Amino acid sequence: MKIISWNVNGIRAVAKKGFSDWLRKSGADIICLQETKAFFSQVENDLKCPEGYNSYWHNGKVPGYAGVVTYSKQKPININTSFDTELEVFKNDGRVVEIEFSSFILLNIYFPNGSPRSDGTEMLSHKLKFYEVFLNYINKLRSNGKKIIILGDYNIAHTEIDIARPKENENSIGFLPIERAWITKIIDNGYIDVFRHFNPNIRDVYSWWSYRTKARERNIGWRLDYIFITPDLLNNTKSIGYQTEITGSDHCPVFIELNFD
């Protein structure tokens, strides 16, 4: 089974850059997209539900903001688009698609960015609360014996080798100590950053590059997109990697291959 995660930074924008051809050639059994930035009604039919896939969307209420979709060749047992919380903002923000199969639960998540809004509204506390609710939720799933894959745009570079210029960004949203501590907390709770597990010291592998100053051409990037799993899926994992050659967004796809034979 091959699973791909990609923040497309606007599904209608990436559709104009060869996305459908990429999807057909991807060989993926499941494709998880973040930051679709479109309501279901605004998307062309071939992207609403690509041939050979079932599609599961979660759009927010704000036009041009957030949004996730999961395409899956196999129909899941259950589908969910919110955490187990009474906080309405985490139910309606267009950030979560959870699908369940007999072998695992897959969560496709677009985590909040945390930068102030254009009107000056502080959003870091919102981001940190989202992480708290998220961790409580996945721990509850795990306590019920579920095997879990959590992928998407986490909007945090965890360590200094996950960002090209750590010193210059030590006070930047996405690399603040209080944010990085949440990735550490996820790991301390027993979840595995699959890429880092198999590549503990590798540098210069990123998943996001600013459109400014030709950052991608110079590989001045951040690793913001992750695939985490519970330890009981580690033996099923065959490979993981970042498809840095794939353009069309300011992020690149990350994939994982698993064997359930």
Protein backbone atom coordinates (compact mmCIF):
# COMPACT_ATOMS: atom_id res chain seq x y z
CA MET A 1 0.00 0.00 0.00
CA LYS A 2 1.31 3.40 -1.00
CA ILE A 3 0.06 6.53 0.76
CA ILE A 4 0.97 10.08 -0.32
CA SER A 5 0.45 13.33 1.58
CA TRP A 6 0.73 16.72 -0.11
CA ASN A 7 -0.12 20.29 0.86
CA VAL A 8 -1.16 21.56 -2.56
CA ASN A 9 -1.66 25.21 -1.51
CA GLY A 10 -4.88 25.44 -3.51
CA ILE A 11 -6.29 22.46 -5.39
CA ARG A 12 -7.63 24.65 -8.20
CA ALA A 13 -4.19 26.23 -8.63
CA VAL A 14 -2.32 22.93 -8.71
CA ALA A 15 -4.90 21.52 -11.12
CA LYS A 16 -3.51 23.96 -13.70
CA LYS A 17 0.00 22.57 -13.18
CA GLY A 18 -0.47 18.94 -14.18
CA PHE A 19 -1.95 17.62 -10.94
CA SER A 20 -4.31 15.14 -12.60
CA ASP A 21 -1.46 13.61 -14.61
CA TRP A 22 0.64 13.36 -11.46
CA LEU A 23 -2.22 11.68 -9.60
CA ARG A 24 -2.73 9.07 -12.33
CA LYS A 25 0.99 8.25 -12.39
CA SER A 26 1.47 8.31 -8.61
CA GLY A 27 0.66 4.67 -8.02
CA ALA A 28 -0.90 5.65 -4.70
CA ASP A 29 -3.64 3.68 -3.01
CA ILE A 30 -4.44 6.69 -0.83
CA ILE A 31 -3.73 10.37 -1.49
CA CYS A 32 -4.17 12.96 1.25
CA LEU A 33 -4.22 16.64 0.32
CA GLN A 34 -4.11 19.63 2.62
CA GLU A 35 -4.90 23.31 2.10
CA THR A 36 -7.28 22.68 -0.79
CA LYS A 37 -8.66 26.22 -0.36
CA ALA A 38 -11.91 25.41 -2.16
CA PHE A 39 -15.42 24.30 -1.40
CA PHE A 40 -16.49 21.00 -2.94
CA SER A 41 -18.85 22.84 -5.31
CA GLN A 42 -15.95 24.91 -6.68
CA VAL A 43 -13.88 21.94 -7.81
CA GLU A 44 -14.00 20.26 -11.22
CA ASN A 45 -15.58 16.80 -11.31
CA ASP A 46 -12.30 14.99 -12.03
CA LEU A 47 -10.95 16.34 -8.74
CA LYS A 48 -14.11 15.88 -6.71
CA CYS A 49 -13.68 12.14 -7.11
CA PRO A 50 -10.86 11.00 -9.43
CA GLU A 51 -11.45 7.83 -11.41
CA GLY A 52 -10.65 4.74 -9.34
CA TYR A 53 -10.87 6.54 -6.01
CA ASN A 54 -13.44 7.34 -3.36
CA SER A 55 -13.16 10.87 -2.00
CA TYR A 56 -13.71 12.31 1.46
CA TRP A 57 -13.68 16.09 1.91
CA HIS A 58 -13.61 18.42 4.89
CA ASN A 59 -13.92 22.07 3.96
CA GLY A 60 -13.97 24.97 6.35
CA LYS A 61 -16.52 27.76 6.38
CA VAL A 62 -14.09 30.44 5.22
CA PRO A 63 -13.64 30.74 1.43
CA GLY A 64 -10.10 30.13 0.16
CA TYR A 65 -8.89 28.81 3.51
CA ALA A 66 -7.67 25.42 4.81
CA GLY A 67 -9.54 22.32 3.58
CA VAL A 68 -8.45 18.68 3.32
CA VAL A 69 -9.42 15.77 1.11
CA THR A 70 -8.52 12.09 1.15
CA TYR A 71 -8.76 9.96 -2.01
CA SER A 72 -8.81 6.22 -1.34
CA LYS A 73 -9.13 3.29 -3.72
CA GLN A 74 -10.53 1.16 -0.91
CA LYS A 75 -13.68 2.23 0.89
CA PRO A 76 -13.08 2.76 4.60
CA ILE A 77 -15.10 1.25 7.42
CA ASN A 78 -15.66 4.62 9.11
CA ILE A 79 -15.16 8.31 8.25
CA ASN A 80 -14.77 11.22 10.67
CA THR A 81 -14.01 14.91 10.18
CA SER A 82 -13.51 16.14 13.73
CA PHE A 83 -11.76 15.34 16.95
CA ASP A 84 -13.78 14.21 19.94
CA THR A 85 -14.20 17.72 21.32
CA GLU A 86 -16.90 20.23 22.09
CA LEU A 87 -14.80 23.06 20.65
CA GLU A 88 -16.69 24.05 17.52
CA VAL A 89 -13.68 25.68 15.90
CA PHE A 90 -11.98 22.30 15.64
CA LYS A 91 -15.07 20.74 14.09
CA ASN A 92 -15.66 23.29 11.35
CA ASP A 93 -12.23 24.58 10.37
CA GLY A 94 -11.66 22.18 7.47
CA ARG A 95 -8.59 20.46 8.91
CA VAL A 96 -9.27 16.76 9.49
CA VAL A 97 -10.32 13.70 7.50
CA GLU A 98 -10.06 10.44 9.41
CA ILE A 99 -10.72 7.14 7.68
CA GLU A 100 -10.62 3.71 9.27
CA PHE A 101 -9.68 0.38 7.71
CA SER A 102 -9.35 -3.06 9.28
CA SER A 103 -5.57 -2.64 9.58
CA PHE A 104 -5.27 1.00 10.72
CA ILE A 105 -6.80 4.44 11.13
CA LEU A 106 -5.47 7.22 8.88
CA LEU A 107 -5.69 10.85 9.91
CA ASN A 108 -5.12 13.48 7.22
CA ILE A 109 -4.55 16.79 9.04
CA TYR A 110 -3.76 20.37 8.14
CA PHE A 111 -2.46 21.82 11.40
CA PRO A 112 -2.89 25.57 12.02
CA ASN A 113 -0.06 27.81 10.90
CA GLY A 114 -0.04 30.00 14.00
CA SER A 115 0.89 33.27 12.29
CA PRO A 116 -1.21 36.35 13.13
CA ARG A 117 -4.16 36.97 10.84
CA SER A 118 -4.22 39.97 8.53
CA ASP A 119 -6.41 41.79 11.05
CA GLY A 120 -3.78 41.26 13.76
CA THR A 121 -5.58 38.42 15.57
CA GLU A 122 -3.10 36.29 17.53
CA MET A 123 -3.24 32.66 16.34
CA LEU A 124 -0.36 30.90 18.11
CA SER A 125 -2.53 29.99 21.11
CA HIS A 126 -5.09 28.53 18.70
CA LYS A 127 -2.39 26.38 17.14
CA LEU A 128 -1.12 25.12 20.49
CA LYS A 129 -4.67 24.30 21.63
CA PHE A 130 -5.22 22.36 18.41
CA TYR A 131 -2.15 20.25 19.18
CA GLU A 132 -3.42 19.59 22.70
CA VAL A 133 -6.84 18.45 21.48
CA PHE A 134 -5.20 16.40 18.71
CA LEU A 135 -2.85 14.55 21.06
CA ASN A 136 -5.64 13.77 23.51
CA TYR A 137 -7.71 12.39 20.66
CA ILE A 138 -5.08 10.11 19.14
CA ASN A 139 -4.14 8.83 22.58
CA LYS A 140 -7.78 7.86 23.10
CA LEU A 141 -7.78 6.01 19.78
CA ARG A 142 -4.60 4.22 20.73
CA SER A 143 -5.94 3.27 24.18
CA ASN A 144 -8.74 1.51 22.31
CA GLY A 145 -6.17 -0.62 20.50
CA LYS A 146 -6.13 1.25 17.19
CA LYS A 147 -3.10 1.35 14.92
CA ILE A 148 -2.73 4.88 13.63
CA ILE A 149 -1.08 6.79 10.77
CA ILE A 150 -1.07 10.58 11.17
CA LEU A 151 0.09 12.60 8.20
CA GLY A 152 -0.15 16.09 6.80
CA ASP A 153 1.26 19.57 7.14
CA TYR A 154 2.22 19.89 10.82
CA ASN A 155 3.42 23.48 10.30
CA ILE A 156 6.39 22.96 12.65
CA ALA A 157 10.04 22.22 11.89
CA HIS A 158 11.03 20.00 14.78
CA THR A 159 14.81 20.21 15.10
CA GLU A 160 17.67 22.25 13.68
CA ILE A 161 18.27 19.68 10.94
CA ASP A 162 14.67 20.13 9.81
CA ILE A 163 15.25 23.71 8.72
CA ALA A 164 17.93 25.22 6.50
CA ARG A 165 18.58 28.28 8.65
CA PRO A 166 17.76 27.54 12.28
CA LYS A 167 19.55 30.52 13.82
CA GLU A 168 17.85 33.02 11.56
CA ASN A 169 14.43 31.53 12.39
CA GLU A 170 14.68 30.86 16.10
CA ASN A 171 11.99 33.51 16.71
CA SER A 172 9.84 32.58 13.72
CA ILE A 173 6.41 30.96 13.85
CA GLY A 174 6.88 27.31 12.94
CA PHE A 175 10.21 27.02 14.76
CA LEU A 176 9.48 28.50 18.18
CA PRO A 177 10.59 26.36 21.15
CA ILE A 178 7.00 26.16 22.41
CA GLU A 179 5.89 24.74 19.04
CA ARG A 180 8.80 22.36 18.64
CA ALA A 181 8.05 21.01 22.11
CA TRP A 182 4.74 19.69 20.80
CA ILE A 183 6.46 17.50 18.21
CA THR A 184 8.73 16.24 20.98
CA LYS A 185 5.65 15.54 23.09
CA ILE A 186 4.07 13.50 20.29
CA ILE A 187 7.25 11.42 20.09
CA ASP A 188 7.42 11.09 23.88
CA ASN A 189 3.87 9.72 23.77
CA GLY A 190 5.14 6.86 21.64
CA TYR A 191 4.45 7.99 18.08
CA ILE A 192 7.17 7.59 15.45
CA ASP A 193 8.32 10.23 12.95
CA VAL A 194 8.91 7.62 10.26
CA PHE A 195 11.32 9.58 8.09
CA ARG A 196 13.50 10.57 11.04
CA HIS A 197 13.37 7.04 12.45
CA PHE A 198 15.03 5.67 9.33
CA ASN A 199 17.15 8.78 8.65
CA PRO A 200 18.16 10.09 12.09
CA ASN A 201 20.96 12.38 10.95
CA ILE A 202 20.22 13.21 7.33
CA ARG A 203 20.19 16.93 6.53
CA ASP A 204 18.91 19.14 3.74
CA VAL A 205 15.65 17.22 3.24
CA TYR A 206 12.75 19.66 3.34
CA SER A 207 9.10 19.74 2.30
CA TRP A 208 8.37 23.48 2.10
CA TRP A 209 10.20 26.38 0.49
CA SER A 210 9.13 30.00 0.43
CA TYR A 211 8.16 31.33 -2.97
CA ARG A 212 10.38 34.31 -2.22
CA THR A 213 14.06 34.61 -3.18
CA LYS A 214 14.06 31.36 -5.19
CA ALA A 215 14.33 29.39 -1.95
CA ARG A 216 13.50 26.07 -3.57
CA GLU A 217 16.19 26.40 -6.20
CA ARG A 218 18.70 26.95 -3.39
CA ASN A 219 17.06 24.34 -1.09
CA ILE A 220 16.51 26.88 1.68
CA GLY A 221 13.58 25.00 3.16
CA TRP A 222 11.71 23.64 6.16
CA ARG A 223 10.53 20.10 6.88
CA LEU A 224 6.92 20.79 7.86
CA ASP A 225 5.16 17.73 6.45
CA TYR A 226 5.37 14.49 8.43
CA ILE A 227 4.09 10.95 8.62
CA PHE A 228 3.80 9.61 12.16
CA ILE A 229 2.75 6.06 13.03
CA THR A 230 2.16 3.99 16.13
CA PRO A 231 4.98 1.50 16.84
CA ASP A 232 2.76 -1.47 15.94
CA LEU A 233 2.94 -0.36 12.28
CA LEU A 234 6.72 -0.07 12.11
CA ASN A 235 7.22 -3.65 10.89
CA ASN A 236 4.71 -2.99 8.11
CA THR A 237 6.65 0.04 6.87
CA LYS A 238 8.77 -0.60 3.79
CA SER A 239 9.85 2.87 2.67
CA ILE A 240 9.29 6.58 3.15
CA GLY A 241 10.51 9.63 1.31
CA TYR A 242 9.97 13.18 0.11
CA GLN A 243 9.27 13.73 -3.58
CA THR A 244 11.22 16.96 -3.79
CA GLU A 245 11.23 16.84 -7.58
CA ILE A 246 7.45 17.32 -7.68
CA THR A 247 6.52 20.98 -8.13
CA GLY A 248 3.18 22.75 -8.39
CA SER A 249 3.01 23.86 -4.76
CA ASP A 250 5.36 25.44 -2.26
CA HIS A 251 5.28 22.03 -0.53
CA CYS A 252 6.34 18.69 -1.95
CA PRO A 253 4.63 15.32 -1.42
CA VAL A 254 5.76 12.81 1.21
CA PHE A 255 4.99 9.12 0.75
CA ILE A 256 5.01 5.93 2.78
CA GLU A 257 4.78 2.34 1.56
CA LEU A 258 3.42 -0.38 3.83
CA ASN A 259 2.93 -4.12 3.46
CA PHE A 260 -0.02 -5.85 5.12
CA ASP A 261 0.45 -9.33 3.61
